[in-house]
């Protein structure tokens, strides 16, 4: 994944990829495409993830080391 903090937060929160995808309203294949860098993550989904994990978007994108 181009943004390893996203995967780290998913795992830290004990979420399967299926649950993560469901909460974001996307398919598991979309998550896999994001992880492999095949498709860009829409800003709206990054914001949704930040809310879901209670962290900043900068942290998810690797711009800061603290959440």
PDB file of N, CA and C in Angstrom:
ATOM      1  N   UNK A   1       0.853  -1.179   0.000  1.00  0.00           N
ATOM      2  CA  UNK A   1       0.000   0.000   0.000  1.00  0.00           C
ATOM      3  C   UNK A   1       0.893   1.234   0.000  1.00  0.00           C
ATOM      4  N   UNK A   2       0.518   2.165  -0.772  1.00  0.00           N
ATOM      5  CA  UNK A   2       1.292   3.400  -0.864  1.00  0.00           C
ATOM      6  C   UNK A   2       1.186   4.221   0.411  1.00  0.00           C
ATOM      7  N   UNK A   3       0.167   3.955   1.189  1.00  0.00           N
ATOM      8  CA  UNK A   3      -0.038   4.653   2.450  1.00  0.00           C
ATOM      9  C   UNK A   3      -0.121   3.611   3.567  1.00  0.00           C
ATOM     10  N   UNK A   4       1.027   3.173   4.077  1.00  0.00           N
ATOM     11  CA  UNK A   4       1.026   2.070   5.046  1.00  0.00           C
ATOM     12  C   UNK A   4       0.270   2.367   6.335  1.00  0.00           C
ATOM     13  N   UNK A   5       0.095   3.628   6.693  1.00  0.00           N
ATOM     14  CA  UNK A   5      -0.639   3.938   7.921  1.00  0.00           C
ATOM     15  C   UNK A   5      -2.105   3.531   7.817  1.00  0.00           C
ATOM     16  N   UNK A   6      -2.647   3.525   6.612  1.00  0.00           N
ATOM     17  CA  UNK A   6      -4.033   3.091   6.435  1.00  0.00           C
ATOM     18  C   UNK A   6      -4.153   1.612   6.780  1.00  0.00           C
ATOM     19  N   UNK A   7      -3.257   0.819   6.244  1.00  0.00           N
ATOM     20  CA  UNK A   7      -3.271  -0.621   6.523  1.00  0.00           C
ATOM     21  C   UNK A   7      -2.984  -0.880   8.001  1.00  0.00           C
ATOM     22  N   UNK A   8      -2.069  -0.112   8.578  1.00  0.00           N
ATOM     23  CA  UNK A   8      -1.746  -0.273   9.999  1.00  0.00           C
ATOM     24  C   UNK A   8      -2.966   0.019  10.877  1.00  0.00           C
ATOM     25  N   UNK A   9      -3.693   1.066  10.558  1.00  0.00           N
ATOM     26  CA  UNK A   9      -4.887   1.402  11.349  1.00  0.00           C
ATOM     27  C   UNK A   9      -5.981   0.354  11.179  1.00  0.00           C
ATOM     28  N   UNK A  10      -6.127  -0.160   9.975  1.00  0.00           N
ATOM     29  CA  UNK A  10      -7.124  -1.212   9.751  1.00  0.00           C
ATOM     30  C   UNK A  10      -6.804  -2.411  10.632  1.00  0.00           C
ATOM     31  N   UNK A  11      -5.544  -2.819  10.613  1.00  0.00           N
ATOM     32  CA  UNK A  11      -5.120  -3.971  11.413  1.00  0.00           C
ATOM     33  C   UNK A  11      -5.213  -3.666  12.913  1.00  0.00           C
ATOM     34  N   UNK A  12      -4.781  -2.486  13.314  1.00  0.00           N
ATOM     35  CA  UNK A  12      -4.806  -2.088  14.729  1.00  0.00           C
ATOM     36  C   UNK A  12      -6.234  -2.107  15.277  1.00  0.00           C
ATOM     37  N   UNK A  13      -7.182  -1.798  14.420  1.00  0.00           N
ATOM     38  CA  UNK A  13      -8.591  -1.782  14.830  1.00  0.00           C
ATOM     39  C   UNK A  13      -9.263  -3.139  14.649  1.00  0.00           C
ATOM     40  N   UNK A  14      -8.480  -4.137  14.286  1.00  0.00           N
ATOM     41  CA  UNK A  14      -9.005  -5.498  14.163  1.00  0.00           C
ATOM     42  C   UNK A  14     -10.022  -5.677  13.063  1.00  0.00           C
ATOM     43  N   UNK A  15      -9.905  -4.879  12.017  1.00  0.00           N
ATOM     44  CA  UNK A  15     -10.855  -4.953  10.909  1.00  0.00           C
ATOM     45  C   UNK A  15     -10.352  -5.851   9.803  1.00  0.00           C
ATOM     46  N   UNK A  16     -11.212  -6.702   9.323  1.00  0.00           N
ATOM     47  CA  UNK A  16     -10.883  -7.464   8.116  1.00  0.00           C
ATOM     48  C   UNK A  16     -10.992  -6.508   6.934  1.00  0.00           C
ATOM     49  N   UNK A  17     -10.422  -6.906   5.825  1.00  0.00           N
ATOM     50  CA  UNK A  17     -10.561  -6.088   4.613  1.00  0.00           C
ATOM     51  C   UNK A  17     -12.024  -6.000   4.203  1.00  0.00           C
ATOM     52  N   UNK A  18     -12.753  -7.078   4.451  1.00  0.00           N
ATOM     53  CA  UNK A  18     -14.182  -7.099   4.110  1.00  0.00           C
ATOM     54  C   UNK A  18     -14.957  -6.080   4.942  1.00  0.00           C
ATOM     55  N   UNK A  19     -14.682  -6.027   6.238  1.00  0.00           N
ATOM     56  CA  UNK A  19     -15.369  -5.076   7.127  1.00  0.00           C
ATOM     57  C   UNK A  19     -14.975  -3.641   6.764  1.00  0.00           C
ATOM     58  N   UNK A  20     -13.684  -3.430   6.536  1.00  0.00           N
ATOM     59  CA  UNK A  20     -13.169  -2.121   6.153  1.00  0.00           C
ATOM     60  C   UNK A  20     -13.854  -1.626   4.884  1.00  0.00           C
ATOM     61  N   UNK A  21     -13.897  -2.483   3.876  1.00  0.00           N
ATOM     62  CA  UNK A  21     -14.544  -2.122   2.614  1.00  0.00           C
ATOM     63  C   UNK A  21     -16.013  -1.807   2.825  1.00  0.00           C
ATOM     64  N   UNK A  22     -16.683  -2.618   3.618  1.00  0.00           N
ATOM     65  CA  UNK A  22     -18.103  -2.407   3.881  1.00  0.00           C
ATOM     66  C   UNK A  22     -18.354  -1.062   4.552  1.00  0.00           C
ATOM     67  N   UNK A  23     -17.542  -0.724   5.531  1.00  0.00           N
ATOM     68  CA  UNK A  23     -17.711   0.550   6.233  1.00  0.00           C
ATOM     69  C   UNK A  23     -17.458   1.751   5.329  1.00  0.00           C
ATOM     70  N   UNK A  24     -16.626   1.558   4.319  1.00  0.00           N
ATOM     71  CA  UNK A  24     -16.349   2.646   3.377  1.00  0.00           C
ATOM     72  C   UNK A  24     -17.299   2.649   2.186  1.00  0.00           C
ATOM     73  N   UNK A  25     -18.115   1.595   2.085  1.00  0.00           N
ATOM     74  CA  UNK A  25     -19.057   1.518   0.979  1.00  0.00           C
ATOM     75  C   UNK A  25     -18.405   1.183  -0.347  1.00  0.00           C
ATOM     76  N   UNK A  26     -17.366   0.351  -0.272  1.00  0.00           N
ATOM     77  CA  UNK A  26     -16.639  -0.042  -1.472  1.00  0.00           C
ATOM     78  C   UNK A  26     -16.459  -1.555  -1.482  1.00  0.00           C
ATOM     79  N   UNK A  27     -15.888  -2.077  -2.564  1.00  0.00           N
ATOM     80  CA  UNK A  27     -15.638  -3.515  -2.651  1.00  0.00           C
ATOM     81  C   UNK A  27     -14.236  -3.838  -2.131  1.00  0.00           C
ATOM     82  N   UNK A  28     -14.031  -5.083  -1.786  1.00  0.00           N
ATOM     83  CA  UNK A  28     -12.713  -5.537  -1.353  1.00  0.00           C
ATOM     84  C   UNK A  28     -11.711  -5.378  -2.489  1.00  0.00           C
ATOM     85  N   UNK A  29     -12.149  -5.581  -3.705  1.00  0.00           N
ATOM     86  CA  UNK A  29     -11.226  -5.420  -4.837  1.00  0.00           C
ATOM     87  C   UNK A  29     -10.748  -3.968  -4.958  1.00  0.00           C
ATOM     88  N   UNK A  30     -11.589  -3.021  -4.583  1.00  0.00           N
ATOM     89  CA  UNK A  30     -11.166  -1.617  -4.585  1.00  0.00           C
ATOM     90  C   UNK A  30     -10.072  -1.404  -3.551  1.00  0.00           C
ATOM     91  N   UNK A  31     -10.250  -1.980  -2.357  1.00  0.00           N
ATOM     92  CA  UNK A  31      -9.211  -1.878  -1.321  1.00  0.00           C
ATOM     93  C   UNK A  31      -7.904  -2.457  -1.844  1.00  0.00           C
ATOM     94  N   UNK A  32      -7.972  -3.603  -2.478  1.00  0.00           N
ATOM     95  CA  UNK A  32      -6.768  -4.241  -3.019  1.00  0.00           C
ATOM     96  C   UNK A  32      -6.125  -3.378  -4.104  1.00  0.00           C
ATOM     97  N   UNK A  33      -6.940  -2.740  -4.924  1.00  0.00           N
ATOM     98  CA  UNK A  33      -6.399  -1.844  -5.952  1.00  0.00           C
ATOM     99  C   UNK A  33      -5.687  -0.655  -5.323  1.00  0.00           C
ATOM    100  N   UNK A  34      -6.222  -0.131  -4.238  1.00  0.00           N
ATOM    101  CA  UNK A  34      -5.560   0.955  -3.513  1.00  0.00           C
ATOM    102  C   UNK A  34      -4.230   0.464  -2.960  1.00  0.00           C
ATOM    103  N   UNK A  35      -4.236  -0.716  -2.355  1.00  0.00           N
ATOM    104  CA  UNK A  35      -3.022  -1.255  -1.749  1.00  0.00           C
ATOM    105  C   UNK A  35      -1.927  -1.480  -2.779  1.00  0.00           C
ATOM    106  N   UNK A  36      -2.307  -1.905  -3.956  1.00  0.00           N
ATOM    107  CA  UNK A  36      -1.341  -2.179  -5.013  1.00  0.00           C
ATOM    108  C   UNK A  36      -0.978  -0.943  -5.829  1.00  0.00           C
ATOM    109  N   UNK A  37      -1.584   0.187  -5.515  1.00  0.00           N
ATOM    110  CA  UNK A  37      -1.303   1.419  -6.235  1.00  0.00           C
ATOM    111  C   UNK A  37      -1.900   1.474  -7.625  1.00  0.00           C
ATOM    112  N   UNK A  38      -2.861   0.608  -7.896  1.00  0.00           N
ATOM    113  CA  UNK A  38      -3.502   0.599  -9.222  1.00  0.00           C
ATOM    114  C   UNK A  38      -4.468   1.756  -9.390  1.00  0.00           C
ATOM    115  N   UNK A  39      -5.103   2.151  -8.295  1.00  0.00           N
ATOM    116  CA  UNK A  39      -6.039   3.275  -8.353  1.00  0.00           C
ATOM    117  C   UNK A  39      -5.773   4.216  -7.182  1.00  0.00           C
ATOM    118  N   UNK A  40      -6.090   5.466  -7.401  1.00  0.00           N
ATOM    119  CA  UNK A  40      -5.944   6.476  -6.355  1.00  0.00           C
ATOM    120  C   UNK A  40      -7.106   6.383  -5.373  1.00  0.00           C
ATOM    121  N   UNK A  41      -6.843   6.754  -4.137  1.00  0.00           N
ATOM    122  CA  UNK A  41      -7.900   6.783  -3.121  1.00  0.00           C
ATOM    123  C   UNK A  41      -8.567   8.150  -3.199  1.00  0.00           C
ATOM    124  N   UNK A  42      -9.877   8.193  -3.401  1.00  0.00           N
ATOM    125  CA  UNK A  42     -10.561   9.490  -3.438  1.00  0.00           C
ATOM    126  C   UNK A  42     -10.452  10.206  -2.087  1.00  0.00           C
ATOM    127  N   UNK A  43     -10.346  11.519  -2.142  1.00  0.00           N
ATOM    128  CA  UNK A  43     -10.235  12.321  -0.922  1.00  0.00           C
ATOM    129  C   UNK A  43     -11.400  12.042   0.029  1.00  0.00           C
ATOM    130  N   UNK A  44     -12.577  11.848  -0.522  1.00  0.00           N
ATOM    131  CA  UNK A  44     -13.745  11.589   0.334  1.00  0.00           C
ATOM    132  C   UNK A  44     -13.572  10.320   1.153  1.00  0.00           C
ATOM    133  N   UNK A  45     -12.890   9.315   0.597  1.00  0.00           N
ATOM    134  CA  UNK A  45     -12.659   8.058   1.323  1.00  0.00           C
ATOM    135  C   UNK A  45     -11.553   8.226   2.358  1.00  0.00           C
ATOM    136  N   UNK A  46     -10.558   9.046   2.062  1.00  0.00           N
ATOM    137  CA  UNK A  46      -9.506   9.313   3.041  1.00  0.00           C
ATOM    138  C   UNK A  46     -10.098  10.029   4.254  1.00  0.00           C
ATOM    139  N   UNK A  47     -10.984  10.977   4.002  1.00  0.00           N
ATOM    140  CA  UNK A  47     -11.651  11.686   5.091  1.00  0.00           C
ATOM    141  C   UNK A  47     -12.498  10.721   5.904  1.00  0.00           C
ATOM    142  N   UNK A  48     -13.213   9.838   5.224  1.00  0.00           N
ATOM    143  CA  UNK A  48     -14.046   8.853   5.914  1.00  0.00           C
ATOM    144  C   UNK A  48     -13.186   7.927   6.781  1.00  0.00           C
ATOM    145  N   UNK A  49     -12.026   7.527   6.267  1.00  0.00           N
ATOM    146  CA  UNK A  49     -11.114   6.681   7.045  1.00  0.00           C
ATOM    147  C   UNK A  49     -10.603   7.418   8.280  1.00  0.00           C
ATOM    148  N   UNK A  50     -10.265   8.688   8.122  1.00  0.00           N
ATOM    149  CA  UNK A  50      -9.760   9.471   9.254  1.00  0.00           C
ATOM    150  C   UNK A  50     -10.806   9.538  10.360  1.00  0.00           C
ATOM    151  N   UNK A  51     -12.045   9.720   9.982  1.00  0.00           N
ATOM    152  CA  UNK A  51     -13.133   9.751  10.960  1.00  0.00           C
ATOM    153  C   UNK A  51     -13.304   8.369  11.596  1.00  0.00           C
ATOM    154  N   UNK A  52     -13.288   7.338  10.776  1.00  0.00           N
ATOM    155  CA  UNK A  52     -13.458   5.968  11.239  1.00  0.00           C
ATOM    156  C   UNK A  52     -12.377   5.584  12.257  1.00  0.00           C
ATOM    157  N   UNK A  53     -11.133   5.946  11.978  1.00  0.00           N
ATOM    158  CA  UNK A  53     -10.023   5.582  12.850  1.00  0.00           C
ATOM    159  C   UNK A  53      -9.691   6.648  13.890  1.00  0.00           C
ATOM    160  N   UNK A  54     -10.373   7.792  13.828  1.00  0.00           N
ATOM    161  CA  UNK A  54     -10.128   8.908  14.737  1.00  0.00           C
ATOM    162  C   UNK A  54      -8.659   9.368  14.679  1.00  0.00           C
ATOM    163  N   UNK A  55      -8.183   9.554  13.454  1.00  0.00           N
ATOM    164  CA  UNK A  55      -6.831  10.043  13.207  1.00  0.00           C
ATOM    165  C   UNK A  55      -6.904  11.150  12.163  1.00  0.00           C
ATOM    166  N   UNK A  56      -5.794  11.821  11.942  1.00  0.00           N
ATOM    167  CA  UNK A  56      -5.787  12.888  10.935  1.00  0.00           C
ATOM    168  C   UNK A  56      -5.548  12.314   9.533  1.00  0.00           C
ATOM    169  N   UNK A  57      -5.990  13.053   8.552  1.00  0.00           N
ATOM    170  CA  UNK A  57      -5.731  12.639   7.174  1.00  0.00           C
ATOM    171  C   UNK A  57      -4.234  12.705   6.891  1.00  0.00           C
ATOM    172  N   UNK A  58      -3.538  13.668   7.472  1.00  0.00           N
ATOM    173  CA  UNK A  58      -2.090  13.762   7.285  1.00  0.00           C
ATOM    174  C   UNK A  58      -1.394  12.503   7.785  1.00  0.00           C
ATOM    175  N   UNK A  59      -1.841  11.969   8.913  1.00  0.00           N
ATOM    176  CA  UNK A  59      -1.271  10.728   9.425  1.00  0.00           C
ATOM    177  C   UNK A  59      -1.528   9.577   8.451  1.00  0.00           C
ATOM    178  N   UNK A  60      -2.760   9.448   7.978  1.00  0.00           N
ATOM    179  CA  UNK A  60      -3.083   8.356   7.053  1.00  0.00           C
ATOM    180  C   UNK A  60      -2.236   8.436   5.781  1.00  0.00           C
ATOM    181  N   UNK A  61      -1.950   9.641   5.346  1.00  0.00           N
ATOM    182  CA  UNK A  61      -1.176   9.830   4.118  1.00  0.00           C
ATOM    183  C   UNK A  61       0.334   9.818   4.345  1.00  0.00           C
ATOM    184  N   UNK A  62       0.742   9.634   5.612  1.00  0.00           N
ATOM    185  CA  UNK A  62       2.158   9.554   5.925  1.00  0.00           C
ATOM    186  C   UNK A  62       2.863  10.894   5.997  1.00  0.00           C
ATOM    187  N   UNK A  63       2.099  11.961   6.110  1.00  0.00           N
ATOM    188  CA  UNK A  63       2.695  13.298   6.183  1.00  0.00           C
ATOM    189  C   UNK A  63       3.154  13.639   7.580  1.00  0.00           C
ATOM    190  N   UNK A  64       2.603  12.961   8.590  1.00  0.00           N
ATOM    191  CA  UNK A  64       3.039  13.101   9.985  1.00  0.00           C
ATOM    192  C   UNK A  64       3.176  11.706  10.573  1.00  0.00           C
ATOM    193  N   UNK A  65       3.925  11.615  11.648  1.00  0.00           N
ATOM    194  CA  UNK A  65       4.122  10.316  12.290  1.00  0.00           C
ATOM    195  C   UNK A  65       3.158  10.088  13.454  1.00  0.00           C
ATOM    196  N   UNK A  66       2.528  11.157  13.897  1.00  0.00           N
ATOM    197  CA  UNK A  66       1.544  10.994  14.979  1.00  0.00           C
ATOM    198  C   UNK A  66       0.147  11.134  14.422  1.00  0.00           C
ATOM    199  N   UNK A  67      -0.769  10.392  15.041  1.00  0.00           N
ATOM    200  CA  UNK A  67      -2.121  10.390  14.528  1.00  0.00           C
ATOM    201  C   UNK A  67      -2.931  11.496  15.126  1.00  0.00           C
TER     202      UNK A  67
END
